[in-house]
Amino acid sequence: MKHIVTVQDVVTAFADWMEPTSAELDAIEQESPVILAEVDLLDAQIKAMDRPVNEVDGRRIRRARNRVLAARRDLVNRTAGAMLPGGAA
């Protein structure tokens, strides 16, 4: 009879020393509005997939797309302001 043995490193994908750093968690938190807006856009697109797009679906997709663009704009503005040292040129 053969014994099936698992390799511990493969089973536990992340060891204690492989946890995300504080900087990585902060980056994820900053990007979360963009991620949530993209999920909303995908939801709107999925709802419109199985039937012809009507006016309400088109409006829903357009608004979700605008929320994604606004969230991306806000993220870029936040990160650009955080990365610039000093004051005005």
C-alpha atoms as a PDB file:
ATOM      1  CA  MET A   1       0.000   0.000   0.000  1.00  0.00           C
ATOM      2  CA  LYS A   2       1.324   3.437  -0.934  1.00  0.00           C
ATOM      3  CA  HIS A   3       1.048   6.342   1.449  1.00  0.00           C
ATOM      4  CA  ILE A   4       0.154   9.721   0.063  1.00  0.00           C
ATOM      5  CA  VAL A   5       2.217  12.390   1.746  1.00  0.00           C
ATOM      6  CA  THR A   6       1.804  16.122   1.205  1.00  0.00           C
ATOM      7  CA  VAL A   7       4.646  18.556   1.168  1.00  0.00           C
ATOM      8  CA  GLN A   8       4.138  21.085   3.926  1.00  0.00           C
ATOM      9  CA  ASP A   9       5.437  24.062   1.912  1.00  0.00           C
ATOM     10  CA  VAL A  10       2.944  23.415  -0.854  1.00  0.00           C
ATOM     11  CA  VAL A  11       0.005  22.992   1.498  1.00  0.00           C
ATOM     12  CA  THR A  12       0.700  26.181   3.414  1.00  0.00           C
ATOM     13  CA  ALA A  13       1.162  28.647   0.610  1.00  0.00           C
ATOM     14  CA  PHE A  14       2.087  31.540   2.880  1.00  0.00           C
ATOM     15  CA  ALA A  15       4.399  31.235   5.829  1.00  0.00           C
ATOM     16  CA  ASP A  16       4.517  33.857   8.583  1.00  0.00           C
ATOM     17  CA  TRP A  17       7.398  35.656   6.901  1.00  0.00           C
ATOM     18  CA  MET A  18       5.457  35.824   3.620  1.00  0.00           C
ATOM     19  CA  GLU A  19       2.639  37.996   4.959  1.00  0.00           C
ATOM     20  CA  PRO A  20       1.982  41.255   3.092  1.00  0.00           C
ATOM     21  CA  THR A  21       3.890  44.214   4.423  1.00  0.00           C
ATOM     22  CA  SER A  22       2.258  47.338   5.782  1.00  0.00           C
ATOM     23  CA  ALA A  23       3.168  49.186   2.590  1.00  0.00           C
ATOM     24  CA  GLU A  24       1.462  46.523   0.466  1.00  0.00           C
ATOM     25  CA  LEU A  25      -1.663  46.620   2.633  1.00  0.00           C
ATOM     26  CA  ASP A  26      -1.725  50.429   2.379  1.00  0.00           C
ATOM     27  CA  ALA A  27      -1.446  50.193  -1.423  1.00  0.00           C
ATOM     28  CA  ILE A  28      -4.352  47.742  -1.528  1.00  0.00           C
ATOM     29  CA  GLU A  29      -6.416  50.030   0.691  1.00  0.00           C
ATOM     30  CA  GLN A  30      -5.696  53.001  -1.586  1.00  0.00           C
ATOM     31  CA  GLU A  31      -6.719  51.003  -4.666  1.00  0.00           C
ATOM     32  CA  SER A  32      -9.889  49.567  -3.130  1.00  0.00           C
ATOM     33  CA  PRO A  33     -12.228  52.297  -4.505  1.00  0.00           C
ATOM     34  CA  VAL A  34     -10.980  51.518  -8.022  1.00  0.00           C
ATOM     35  CA  ILE A  35     -11.407  47.801  -7.463  1.00  0.00           C
ATOM     36  CA  LEU A  36     -14.946  48.230  -6.153  1.00  0.00           C
ATOM     37  CA  ALA A  37     -15.871  50.516  -9.060  1.00  0.00           C
ATOM     38  CA  GLU A  38     -14.515  47.953 -11.533  1.00  0.00           C
ATOM     39  CA  VAL A  39     -16.566  45.221  -9.843  1.00  0.00           C
ATOM     40  CA  ASP A  40     -19.681  47.380 -10.212  1.00  0.00           C
ATOM     41  CA  LEU A  41     -18.883  47.874 -13.907  1.00  0.00           C
ATOM     42  CA  LEU A  42     -18.488  44.131 -14.388  1.00  0.00           C
ATOM     43  CA  ASP A  43     -21.788  43.522 -12.607  1.00  0.00           C
ATOM     44  CA  ALA A  44     -23.544  45.981 -14.923  1.00  0.00           C
ATOM     45  CA  GLN A  45     -21.972  44.376 -17.993  1.00  0.00           C
ATOM     46  CA  ILE A  46     -22.892  40.869 -16.825  1.00  0.00           C
ATOM     47  CA  LYS A  47     -26.512  41.911 -16.245  1.00  0.00           C
ATOM     48  CA  ALA A  48     -26.696  43.161 -19.828  1.00  0.00           C
ATOM     49  CA  MET A  49     -25.070  40.098 -21.416  1.00  0.00           C
ATOM     50  CA  ASP A  50     -28.027  37.768 -21.828  1.00  0.00           C
ATOM     51  CA  ARG A  51     -30.350  40.230 -23.512  1.00  0.00           C
ATOM     52  CA  PRO A  52     -30.157  43.169 -25.893  1.00  0.00           C
ATOM     53  CA  VAL A  53     -28.953  46.297 -24.158  1.00  0.00           C
ATOM     54  CA  ASN A  54     -31.865  48.570 -23.390  1.00  0.00           C
ATOM     55  CA  GLU A  55     -31.768  52.190 -22.268  1.00  0.00           C
ATOM     56  CA  VAL A  56     -31.591  51.333 -18.571  1.00  0.00           C
ATOM     57  CA  ASP A  57     -28.741  48.861 -19.063  1.00  0.00           C
ATOM     58  CA  GLY A  58     -26.840  51.341 -21.205  1.00  0.00           C
ATOM     59  CA  ARG A  59     -27.249  54.019 -18.563  1.00  0.00           C
ATOM     60  CA  ARG A  60     -26.152  51.611 -15.817  1.00  0.00           C
ATOM     61  CA  ILE A  61     -23.009  50.654 -17.747  1.00  0.00           C
ATOM     62  CA  ARG A  62     -22.218  54.269 -18.610  1.00  0.00           C
ATOM     63  CA  ARG A  63     -22.549  55.374 -14.976  1.00  0.00           C
ATOM     64  CA  ALA A  64     -20.413  52.469 -13.779  1.00  0.00           C
ATOM     65  CA  ARG A  65     -17.770  53.345 -16.374  1.00  0.00           C
ATOM     66  CA  ASN A  66     -17.796  56.953 -15.183  1.00  0.00           C
ATOM     67  CA  ARG A  67     -17.351  55.778 -11.564  1.00  0.00           C
ATOM     68  CA  VAL A  68     -14.336  53.699 -12.624  1.00  0.00           C
ATOM     69  CA  LEU A  69     -12.788  56.671 -14.401  1.00  0.00           C
ATOM     70  CA  ALA A  70     -13.446  58.954 -11.424  1.00  0.00           C
ATOM     71  CA  ALA A  71     -11.962  56.425  -8.991  1.00  0.00           C
ATOM     72  CA  ARG A  72      -8.865  56.039 -11.174  1.00  0.00           C
ATOM     73  CA  ARG A  73      -8.519  59.818 -11.448  1.00  0.00           C
ATOM     74  CA  ASP A  74      -8.779  60.199  -7.689  1.00  0.00           C
ATOM     75  CA  LEU A  75      -6.206  57.450  -7.128  1.00  0.00           C
ATOM     76  CA  VAL A  76      -3.733  59.044  -9.555  1.00  0.00           C
ATOM     77  CA  ASN A  77      -4.234  62.459  -7.989  1.00  0.00           C
ATOM     78  CA  ARG A  78      -3.700  61.054  -4.481  1.00  0.00           C
ATOM     79  CA  THR A  79      -0.581  59.106  -5.398  1.00  0.00           C
ATOM     80  CA  ALA A  80       0.894  61.901  -7.518  1.00  0.00           C
ATOM     81  CA  GLY A  81       0.501  64.369  -4.666  1.00  0.00           C
ATOM     82  CA  ALA A  82       2.021  61.924  -2.199  1.00  0.00           C
ATOM     83  CA  MET A  83       5.083  61.246  -4.358  1.00  0.00           C
ATOM     84  CA  LEU A  84       6.058  64.864  -5.091  1.00  0.00           C
ATOM     85  CA  PRO A  85       8.580  66.223  -2.607  1.00  0.00           C
ATOM     86  CA  GLY A  86       8.545  69.858  -1.574  1.00  0.00           C
ATOM     87  CA  GLY A  87       6.117  72.539  -2.574  1.00  0.00           C
ATOM     88  CA  ALA A  88       5.333  74.426  -5.748  1.00  0.00           C
ATOM     89  CA  ALA A  89       8.070  74.824  -8.332  1.00  0.00           C
END
